[in-house]
């Protein structure tokens, strides 16, 4: 049990708040709201969906590293890897003449790297 709780300690600031918020996620209206949001084609929606995917993947990799190779990565390194992955992926989307590029929108939304 200690290994399980310790493996998420640096990723979750408040385990109590996270556990209490799980009850909220079970409510149907929140999932419906997320489904509606995720189906949007707006640039911001695309960036947020990509960010969610990259963060979930980074947490999954960190979890597997801790379980199977007993190694952990500092939070700052995980944040840098997430930011780098998001930037690389957004750079690969072609910009249209009528819209700002995804990377430009991402830079305008963040005050500093993650």
Foldseek 3Di string as FASTA:
>chain_A
DVLVVVLCPQVDPDPVVVVVCVVVVVDPVVVVVVVVLCVDPDLVSVLVVLLVVLLVVLSVVQVCCCPPVVDHDDPVVSQVVSQVVSLVVQVPDDDDPVDDGSNVVVVVPDPDRD
